[in-house]
Amino acid sequence: MQQASLFEIEVESPCIGVCESGPRGYCRGCLRSREERFYWPKLTAAQKIQVISLCEMRRKKLNSKKMKEKEQSLLKQIQAEQLSLF
């Protein structure tokens, strides 16, 4: 049994006030889907916790992708600088 269902707790919305849809349909601010944002007030505390967990997973995936792109960019820059030495 979920702990959230044992106690009536209020789960705050993960909204940070940046309400724009990204290319995959997730909010650029909180990374919730349109449905997750729309039905948020109707979700139980346990469901809200699951949505927040999904948002955290999406954020980690997004940050990982950004780090990989940054790494590739730096690697290309270093390679270009090394080639120009010769």
PDB file of N, CA and C in Angstrom:
ATOM      1  N   MET A   1       0.845  -1.182   0.000  1.00  0.00           N
ATOM      2  CA  MET A   1       0.000   0.000   0.000  1.00  0.00           C
ATOM      3  C   MET A   1       0.889   1.243   0.000  1.00  0.00           C
ATOM      4  N   GLN A   2       0.566   2.190  -0.835  1.00  0.00           N
ATOM      5  CA  GLN A   2       1.332   3.422  -0.929  1.00  0.00           C
ATOM      6  C   GLN A   2       1.173   4.251   0.342  1.00  0.00           C
ATOM      7  N   GLN A   3       2.264   4.868   0.768  1.00  0.00           N
ATOM      8  CA  GLN A   3       2.211   5.700   1.958  1.00  0.00           C
ATOM      9  C   GLN A   3       1.279   6.895   1.739  1.00  0.00           C
ATOM     10  N   ALA A   4       1.230   7.404   0.505  1.00  0.00           N
ATOM     11  CA  ALA A   4       0.374   8.557   0.212  1.00  0.00           C
ATOM     12  C   ALA A   4      -1.095   8.235   0.450  1.00  0.00           C
ATOM     13  N   SER A   5      -1.473   6.965   0.263  1.00  0.00           N
ATOM     14  CA  SER A   5      -2.869   6.616   0.477  1.00  0.00           C
ATOM     15  C   SER A   5      -3.188   6.420   1.960  1.00  0.00           C
ATOM     16  N   LEU A   6      -2.178   6.232   2.788  1.00  0.00           N
ATOM     17  CA  LEU A   6      -2.410   6.077   4.217  1.00  0.00           C
ATOM     18  C   LEU A   6      -2.718   7.416   4.881  1.00  0.00           C
ATOM     19  N   PHE A   7      -2.098   8.447   4.375  1.00  0.00           N
ATOM     20  CA  PHE A   7      -2.271   9.774   4.941  1.00  0.00           C
ATOM     21  C   PHE A   7      -2.704  10.719   3.831  1.00  0.00           C
ATOM     22  N   GLU A   8      -3.638  11.567   4.145  1.00  0.00           N
ATOM     23  CA  GLU A   8      -4.054  12.577   3.172  1.00  0.00           C
ATOM     24  C   GLU A   8      -3.019  13.693   3.186  1.00  0.00           C
ATOM     25  N   ILE A   9      -2.163  13.679   2.185  1.00  0.00           N
ATOM     26  CA  ILE A   9      -1.156  14.723   2.078  1.00  0.00           C
ATOM     27  C   ILE A   9      -1.422  15.524   0.813  1.00  0.00           C
ATOM     28  N   GLU A  10      -1.007  16.759   0.838  1.00  0.00           N
ATOM     29  CA  GLU A  10      -1.158  17.611  -0.334  1.00  0.00           C
ATOM     30  C   GLU A  10       0.163  17.590  -1.106  1.00  0.00           C
ATOM     31  N   VAL A  11       0.100  17.148  -2.333  1.00  0.00           N
ATOM     32  CA  VAL A  11       1.279  17.112  -3.187  1.00  0.00           C
ATOM     33  C   VAL A  11       1.242  18.355  -4.059  1.00  0.00           C
ATOM     34  N   GLU A  12       2.272  19.177  -3.936  1.00  0.00           N
ATOM     35  CA  GLU A  12       2.316  20.422  -4.694  1.00  0.00           C
ATOM     36  C   GLU A  12       2.612  20.161  -6.162  1.00  0.00           C
ATOM     37  N   SER A  13       2.074  21.012  -6.995  1.00  0.00           N
ATOM     38  CA  SER A  13       2.312  20.933  -8.430  1.00  0.00           C
ATOM     39  C   SER A  13       3.786  21.222  -8.715  1.00  0.00           C
ATOM     40  N   PRO A  14       4.373  20.498  -9.660  1.00  0.00           N
ATOM     41  CA  PRO A  14       5.769  20.758 -10.017  1.00  0.00           C
ATOM     42  C   PRO A  14       5.936  21.971 -10.946  1.00  0.00           C
ATOM     43  N   CYS A  15       4.850  22.667 -11.231  1.00  0.00           N
ATOM     44  CA  CYS A  15       4.885  23.814 -12.138  1.00  0.00           C
ATOM     45  C   CYS A  15       5.850  24.881 -11.615  1.00  0.00           C
ATOM     46  N   ILE A  16       6.687  25.398 -12.537  1.00  0.00           N
ATOM     47  CA  ILE A  16       7.611  26.469 -12.170  1.00  0.00           C
ATOM     48  C   ILE A  16       7.295  27.760 -12.926  1.00  0.00           C
ATOM     49  N   GLY A  17       6.145  27.772 -13.595  1.00  0.00           N
ATOM     50  CA  GLY A  17       5.696  28.988 -14.264  1.00  0.00           C
ATOM     51  C   GLY A  17       6.221  29.181 -15.673  1.00  0.00           C
ATOM     52  N   VAL A  18       6.880  28.174 -16.237  1.00  0.00           N
ATOM     53  CA  VAL A  18       7.353  28.226 -17.624  1.00  0.00           C
ATOM     54  C   VAL A  18       6.445  27.291 -18.414  1.00  0.00           C
ATOM     55  N   CYS A  19       5.308  27.796 -18.797  1.00  0.00           N
ATOM     56  CA  CYS A  19       4.270  26.943 -19.381  1.00  0.00           C
ATOM     57  C   CYS A  19       4.266  27.035 -20.909  1.00  0.00           C
ATOM     58  N   GLU A  20       5.170  26.281 -21.518  1.00  0.00           N
ATOM     59  CA  GLU A  20       5.267  26.182 -22.965  1.00  0.00           C
ATOM     60  C   GLU A  20       5.445  24.717 -23.322  1.00  0.00           C
ATOM     61  N   SER A  21       4.825  24.310 -24.400  1.00  0.00           N
ATOM     62  CA  SER A  21       4.995  22.930 -24.851  1.00  0.00           C
ATOM     63  C   SER A  21       6.251  22.808 -25.686  1.00  0.00           C
ATOM     64  N   GLY A  22       7.020  21.778 -25.391  1.00  0.00           N
ATOM     65  CA  GLY A  22       8.221  21.496 -26.162  1.00  0.00           C
ATOM     66  C   GLY A  22       7.874  20.673 -27.390  1.00  0.00           C
ATOM     67  N   PRO A  23       8.868  20.270 -28.160  1.00  0.00           N
ATOM     68  CA  PRO A  23       8.634  19.523 -29.395  1.00  0.00           C
ATOM     69  C   PRO A  23       7.980  18.151 -29.181  1.00  0.00           C
ATOM     70  N   ARG A  24       8.143  17.575 -28.004  1.00  0.00           N
ATOM     71  CA  ARG A  24       7.549  16.261 -27.735  1.00  0.00           C
ATOM     72  C   ARG A  24       6.228  16.374 -26.979  1.00  0.00           C
ATOM     73  N   GLY A  25       5.770  17.609 -26.742  1.00  0.00           N
ATOM     74  CA  GLY A  25       4.491  17.816 -26.084  1.00  0.00           C
ATOM     75  C   GLY A  25       4.563  17.994 -24.585  1.00  0.00           C
ATOM     76  N   TYR A  26       5.759  17.894 -24.018  1.00  0.00           N
ATOM     77  CA  TYR A  26       5.916  18.084 -22.584  1.00  0.00           C
ATOM     78  C   TYR A  26       6.143  19.562 -22.291  1.00  0.00           C
ATOM     79  N   CYS A  27       5.687  19.999 -21.142  1.00  0.00           N
ATOM     80  CA  CYS A  27       5.907  21.374 -20.710  1.00  0.00           C
ATOM     81  C   CYS A  27       7.417  21.597 -20.554  1.00  0.00           C
ATOM     82  N   ARG A  28       7.907  22.714 -21.061  1.00  0.00           N
ATOM     83  CA  ARG A  28       9.343  23.018 -20.960  1.00  0.00           C
ATOM     84  C   ARG A  28       9.767  23.282 -19.516  1.00  0.00           C
ATOM     85  N   GLY A  29       8.834  23.689 -18.669  1.00  0.00           N
ATOM     86  CA  GLY A  29       9.159  23.999 -17.278  1.00  0.00           C
ATOM     87  C   GLY A  29       9.163  22.785 -16.371  1.00  0.00           C
ATOM     88  N   CYS A  30       8.042  22.087 -16.321  1.00  0.00           N
ATOM     89  CA  CYS A  30       7.910  20.976 -15.359  1.00  0.00           C
ATOM     90  C   CYS A  30       8.007  19.596 -16.011  1.00  0.00           C
ATOM     91  N   LEU A  31       7.973  19.539 -17.334  1.00  0.00           N
ATOM     92  CA  LEU A  31       8.072  18.293 -18.110  1.00  0.00           C
ATOM     93  C   LEU A  31       6.873  17.362 -17.937  1.00  0.00           C
ATOM     94  N   ARG A  32       5.717  17.936 -17.592  1.00  0.00           N
ATOM     95  CA  ARG A  32       4.497  17.120 -17.562  1.00  0.00           C
ATOM     96  C   ARG A  32       3.867  17.121 -18.949  1.00  0.00           C
ATOM     97  N   SER A  33       3.171  16.041 -19.263  1.00  0.00           N
ATOM     98  CA  SER A  33       2.434  15.979 -20.520  1.00  0.00           C
ATOM     99  C   SER A  33       1.186  16.848 -20.408  1.00  0.00           C
ATOM    100  N   ARG A  34       0.554  17.074 -21.532  1.00  0.00           N
ATOM    101  CA  ARG A  34      -0.669  17.883 -21.532  1.00  0.00           C
ATOM    102  C   ARG A  34      -1.718  17.259 -20.615  1.00  0.00           C
ATOM    103  N   GLU A  35      -1.884  15.941 -20.700  1.00  0.00           N
ATOM    104  CA  GLU A  35      -2.871  15.239 -19.878  1.00  0.00           C
ATOM    105  C   GLU A  35      -2.530  15.332 -18.396  1.00  0.00           C
ATOM    106  N   GLU A  36      -1.241  15.205 -18.084  1.00  0.00           N
ATOM    107  CA  GLU A  36      -0.817  15.290 -16.684  1.00  0.00           C
ATOM    108  C   GLU A  36      -1.097  16.675 -16.110  1.00  0.00           C
ATOM    109  N   ARG A  37      -0.901  17.704 -16.923  1.00  0.00           N
ATOM    110  CA  ARG A  37      -1.199  19.069 -16.462  1.00  0.00           C
ATOM    111  C   ARG A  37      -2.705  19.269 -16.317  1.00  0.00           C
ATOM    112  N   PHE A  38      -3.450  18.793 -17.300  1.00  0.00           N
ATOM    113  CA  PHE A  38      -4.897  18.995 -17.316  1.00  0.00           C
ATOM    114  C   PHE A  38      -5.590  18.275 -16.151  1.00  0.00           C
ATOM    115  N   TYR A  39      -5.197  17.044 -15.888  1.00  0.00           N
ATOM    116  CA  TYR A  39      -5.874  16.244 -14.860  1.00  0.00           C
ATOM    117  C   TYR A  39      -5.248  16.358 -13.468  1.00  0.00           C
ATOM    118  N   TRP A  40      -4.214  17.184 -13.314  1.00  0.00           N
ATOM    119  CA  TRP A  40      -3.519  17.299 -12.030  1.00  0.00           C
ATOM    120  C   TRP A  40      -4.469  17.488 -10.843  1.00  0.00           C
ATOM    121  N   PRO A  41      -5.433  18.392 -10.899  1.00  0.00           N
ATOM    122  CA  PRO A  41      -6.315  18.598  -9.732  1.00  0.00           C
ATOM    123  C   PRO A  41      -7.159  17.367  -9.375  1.00  0.00           C
ATOM    124  N   LYS A  42      -7.374  16.479 -10.338  1.00  0.00           N
ATOM    125  CA  LYS A  42      -8.218  15.308 -10.108  1.00  0.00           C
ATOM    126  C   LYS A  42      -7.430  14.072  -9.675  1.00  0.00           C
ATOM    127  N   LEU A  43      -6.111  14.132  -9.741  1.00  0.00           N
ATOM    128  CA  LEU A  43      -5.289  12.977  -9.387  1.00  0.00           C
ATOM    129  C   LEU A  43      -5.211  12.795  -7.877  1.00  0.00           C
ATOM    130  N   THR A  44      -5.050  11.553  -7.463  1.00  0.00           N
ATOM    131  CA  THR A  44      -4.831  11.266  -6.041  1.00  0.00           C
ATOM    132  C   THR A  44      -3.393  11.640  -5.696  1.00  0.00           C
ATOM    133  N   ALA A  45      -3.089  11.686  -4.414  1.00  0.00           N
ATOM    134  CA  ALA A  45      -1.728  12.006  -3.984  1.00  0.00           C
ATOM    135  C   ALA A  45      -0.733  10.988  -4.540  1.00  0.00           C
ATOM    136  N   ALA A  46      -1.098   9.709  -4.533  1.00  0.00           N
ATOM    137  CA  ALA A  46      -0.209   8.660  -5.061  1.00  0.00           C
ATOM    138  C   ALA A  46       0.038   8.860  -6.553  1.00  0.00           C
ATOM    139  N   GLN A  47      -0.997   9.215  -7.297  1.00  0.00           N
ATOM    140  CA  GLN A  47      -0.845   9.455  -8.728  1.00  0.00           C
ATOM    141  C   GLN A  47       0.030  10.676  -8.987  1.00  0.00           C
ATOM    142  N   LYS A  48      -0.133  11.709  -8.172  1.00  0.00           N
ATOM    143  CA  LYS A  48       0.687  12.914  -8.319  1.00  0.00           C
ATOM    144  C   LYS A  48       2.156  12.592  -8.075  1.00  0.00           C
ATOM    145  N   ILE A  49       2.423  11.755  -7.095  1.00  0.00           N
ATOM    146  CA  ILE A  49       3.800  11.349  -6.807  1.00  0.00           C
ATOM    147  C   ILE A  49       4.380  10.582  -7.994  1.00  0.00           C
ATOM    148  N   GLN A  50       3.560   9.736  -8.633  1.00  0.00           N
ATOM    149  CA  GLN A  50       4.019   9.013  -9.820  1.00  0.00           C
ATOM    150  C   GLN A  50       4.335   9.978 -10.964  1.00  0.00           C
ATOM    151  N   VAL A  51       3.494  10.979 -11.159  1.00  0.00           N
ATOM    152  CA  VAL A  51       3.723  11.977 -12.212  1.00  0.00           C
ATOM    153  C   VAL A  51       5.020  12.729 -11.934  1.00  0.00           C
ATOM    154  N   ILE A  52       5.253  13.102 -10.689  1.00  0.00           N
ATOM    155  CA  ILE A  52       6.483  13.805 -10.334  1.00  0.00           C
ATOM    156  C   ILE A  52       7.693  12.912 -10.594  1.00  0.00           C
ATOM    157  N   SER A  53       7.572  11.626 -10.312  1.00  0.00           N
ATOM    158  CA  SER A  53       8.663  10.684 -10.597  1.00  0.00           C
ATOM    159  C   SER A  53       8.944  10.617 -12.099  1.00  0.00           C
ATOM    160  N   LEU A  54       7.880  10.602 -12.890  1.00  0.00           N
ATOM    161  CA  LEU A  54       8.045  10.607 -14.347  1.00  0.00           C
ATOM    162  C   LEU A  54       8.754  11.882 -14.808  1.00  0.00           C
ATOM    163  N   CYS A  55       8.369  13.009 -14.230  1.00  0.00           N
ATOM    164  CA  CYS A  55       8.994  14.285 -14.585  1.00  0.00           C
ATOM    165  C   CYS A  55      10.485  14.270 -14.247  1.00  0.00           C
ATOM    166  N   GLU A  56      10.831  13.701 -13.103  1.00  0.00           N
ATOM    167  CA  GLU A  56      12.239  13.604 -12.708  1.00  0.00           C
ATOM    168  C   GLU A  56      13.015  12.728 -13.679  1.00  0.00           C
ATOM    169  N   MET A  57      12.410  11.626 -14.112  1.00  0.00           N
ATOM    170  CA  MET A  57      13.054  10.749 -15.092  1.00  0.00           C
ATOM    171  C   MET A  57      13.251  11.477 -16.417  1.00  0.00           C
ATOM    172  N   ARG A  58      12.245  12.229 -16.843  1.00  0.00           N
ATOM    173  CA  ARG A  58      12.350  12.996 -18.092  1.00  0.00           C
ATOM    174  C   ARG A  58      13.449  14.045 -17.980  1.00  0.00           C
ATOM    175  N   ARG A  59      13.545  14.709 -16.826  1.00  0.00           N
ATOM    176  CA  ARG A  59      14.570  15.734 -16.623  1.00  0.00           C
ATOM    177  C   ARG A  59      15.969  15.113 -16.700  1.00  0.00           C
ATOM    178  N   LYS A  60      16.160  13.954 -16.063  1.00  0.00           N
ATOM    179  CA  LYS A  60      17.461  13.282 -16.109  1.00  0.00           C
ATOM    180  C   LYS A  60      17.823  12.903 -17.541  1.00  0.00           C
ATOM    181  N   LYS A  61      16.858  12.393 -18.267  1.00  0.00           N
ATOM    182  CA  LYS A  61      17.101  12.012 -19.655  1.00  0.00           C
ATOM    183  C   LYS A  61      17.463  13.232 -20.499  1.00  0.00           C
ATOM    184  N   LEU A  62      16.742  14.324 -20.303  1.00  0.00           N
ATOM    185  CA  LEU A  62      16.998  15.563 -21.032  1.00  0.00           C
ATOM    186  C   LEU A  62      18.384  16.112 -20.688  1.00  0.00           C
ATOM    187  N   ASN A  63      18.733  16.132 -19.402  1.00  0.00           N
ATOM    188  CA  ASN A  63      20.042  16.622 -18.977  1.00  0.00           C
ATOM    189  C   ASN A  63      21.167  15.744 -19.516  1.00  0.00           C
ATOM    190  N   SER A  64      20.934  14.439 -19.560  1.00  0.00           N
ATOM    191  CA  SER A  64      21.923  13.512 -20.096  1.00  0.00           C
ATOM    192  C   SER A  64      22.161  13.803 -21.579  1.00  0.00           C
ATOM    193  N   LYS A  65      21.092  14.051 -22.305  1.00  0.00           N
ATOM    194  CA  LYS A  65      21.210  14.358 -23.728  1.00  0.00           C
ATOM    195  C   LYS A  65      21.969  15.667 -23.935  1.00  0.00           C
ATOM    196  N   LYS A  66      21.652  16.673 -23.110  1.00  0.00           N
ATOM    197  CA  LYS A  66      22.340  17.967 -23.211  1.00  0.00           C
ATOM    198  C   LYS A  66      23.826  17.812 -22.896  1.00  0.00           C
ATOM    199  N   MET A  67      24.158  17.018 -21.891  1.00  0.00           N
ATOM    200  CA  MET A  67      25.556  16.807 -21.532  1.00  0.00           C
ATOM    201  C   MET A  67      26.297  16.089 -22.657  1.00  0.00           C
ATOM    202  N   LYS A  68      25.642  15.121 -23.276  1.00  0.00           N
ATOM    203  CA  LYS A  68      26.256  14.385 -24.379  1.00  0.00           C
ATOM    204  C   LYS A  68      26.520  15.320 -25.562  1.00  0.00           C
ATOM    205  N   GLU A  69      25.561  16.204 -25.859  1.00  0.00           N
ATOM    206  CA  GLU A  69      25.734  17.164 -26.949  1.00  0.00           C
ATOM    207  C   GLU A  69      26.874  18.136 -26.637  1.00  0.00           C
ATOM    208  N   LYS A  70      26.957  18.586 -25.393  1.00  0.00           N
ATOM    209  CA  LYS A  70      28.018  19.505 -24.978  1.00  0.00           C
ATOM    210  C   LYS A  70      29.379  18.820 -25.095  1.00  0.00           C
ATOM    211  N   GLU A  71      29.438  17.558 -24.680  1.00  0.00           N
ATOM    212  CA  GLU A  71      30.677  16.798 -24.761  1.00  0.00           C
ATOM    213  C   GLU A  71      31.125  16.659 -26.213  1.00  0.00           C
ATOM    214  N   GLN A  72      30.181  16.347 -27.103  1.00  0.00           N
ATOM    215  CA  GLN A  72      30.501  16.210 -28.526  1.00  0.00           C
ATOM    216  C   GLN A  72      31.005  17.529 -29.101  1.00  0.00           C
ATOM    217  N   SER A  73      30.374  18.621 -28.721  1.00  0.00           N
ATOM    218  CA  SER A  73      30.781  19.939 -29.199  1.00  0.00           C
ATOM    219  C   SER A  73      32.197  20.278 -28.748  1.00  0.00           C
ATOM    220  N   LEU A  74      32.504  20.024 -27.486  1.00  0.00           N
ATOM    221  CA  LEU A  74      33.841  20.289 -26.966  1.00  0.00           C
ATOM    222  C   LEU A  74      34.879  19.398 -27.638  1.00  0.00           C
ATOM    223  N   LEU A  75      34.517  18.153 -27.877  1.00  0.00           N
ATOM    224  CA  LEU A  75      35.430  17.226 -28.539  1.00  0.00           C
ATOM    225  C   LEU A  75      35.750  17.703 -29.957  1.00  0.00           C
ATOM    226  N   LYS A  76      34.744  18.153 -30.682  1.00  0.00           N
ATOM    227  CA  LYS A  76      34.968  18.679 -32.027  1.00  0.00           C
ATOM    228  C   LYS A  76      35.856  19.912 -31.987  1.00  0.00           C
ATOM    229  N   GLN A  77      35.626  20.773 -31.010  1.00  0.00           N
ATOM    230  CA  GLN A  77      36.423  21.982 -30.866  1.00  0.00           C
ATOM    231  C   GLN A  77      37.885  21.637 -30.592  1.00  0.00           C
ATOM    232  N   ILE A  78      38.113  20.687 -29.703  1.00  0.00           N
ATOM    233  CA  ILE A  78      39.480  20.267 -29.371  1.00  0.00           C
ATOM    234  C   ILE A  78      40.150  19.653 -30.592  1.00  0.00           C
ATOM    235  N   GLN A  79      39.430  18.804 -31.312  1.00  0.00           N
ATOM    236  CA  GLN A  79      39.996  18.169 -32.504  1.00  0.00           C
ATOM    237  C   GLN A  79      40.346  19.215 -33.556  1.00  0.00           C
ATOM    238  N   ALA A  80      39.498  20.216 -33.728  1.00  0.00           N
ATOM    239  CA  ALA A  80      39.760  21.272 -34.711  1.00  0.00           C
ATOM    240  C   ALA A  80      41.000  22.068 -34.313  1.00  0.00           C
ATOM    241  N   GLU A  81      41.150  22.335 -33.027  1.00  0.00           N
ATOM    242  CA  GLU A  81      42.316  23.068 -32.550  1.00  0.00           C
ATOM    243  C   GLU A  81      43.594  22.246 -32.717  1.00  0.00           C
ATOM    244  N   GLN A  82      43.509  20.953 -32.483  1.00  0.00           N
ATOM    245  CA  GLN A  82      44.683  20.092 -32.627  1.00  0.00           C
ATOM    246  C   GLN A  82      45.108  19.992 -34.092  1.00  0.00           C
ATOM    247  N   LEU A  83      44.138  19.918 -35.008  1.00  0.00           N
ATOM    248  CA  LEU A  83      44.450  19.822 -36.425  1.00  0.00           C
ATOM    249  C   LEU A  83      45.088  21.106 -36.940  1.00  0.00           C
ATOM    250  N   SER A  84      44.684  22.234 -36.370  1.00  0.00           N
ATOM    251  CA  SER A  84      45.239  23.502 -36.838  1.00  0.00           C
ATOM    252  C   SER A  84      46.675  23.720 -36.376  1.00  0.00           C
ATOM    253  N   LEU A  85      47.174  22.909 -35.472  1.00  0.00           N
ATOM    254  CA  LEU A  85      48.544  23.019 -35.017  1.00  0.00           C
ATOM    255  C   LEU A  85      49.522  22.484 -36.040  1.00  0.00           C
ATOM    256  N   PHE A  86      49.050  21.625 -36.929  1.00  0.00           N
ATOM    257  CA  PHE A  86      49.956  20.987 -37.901  1.00  0.00           C
ATOM    258  C   PHE A  86      49.839  21.579 -39.247  1.00  0.00           C
TER     259      PHE A  86
END
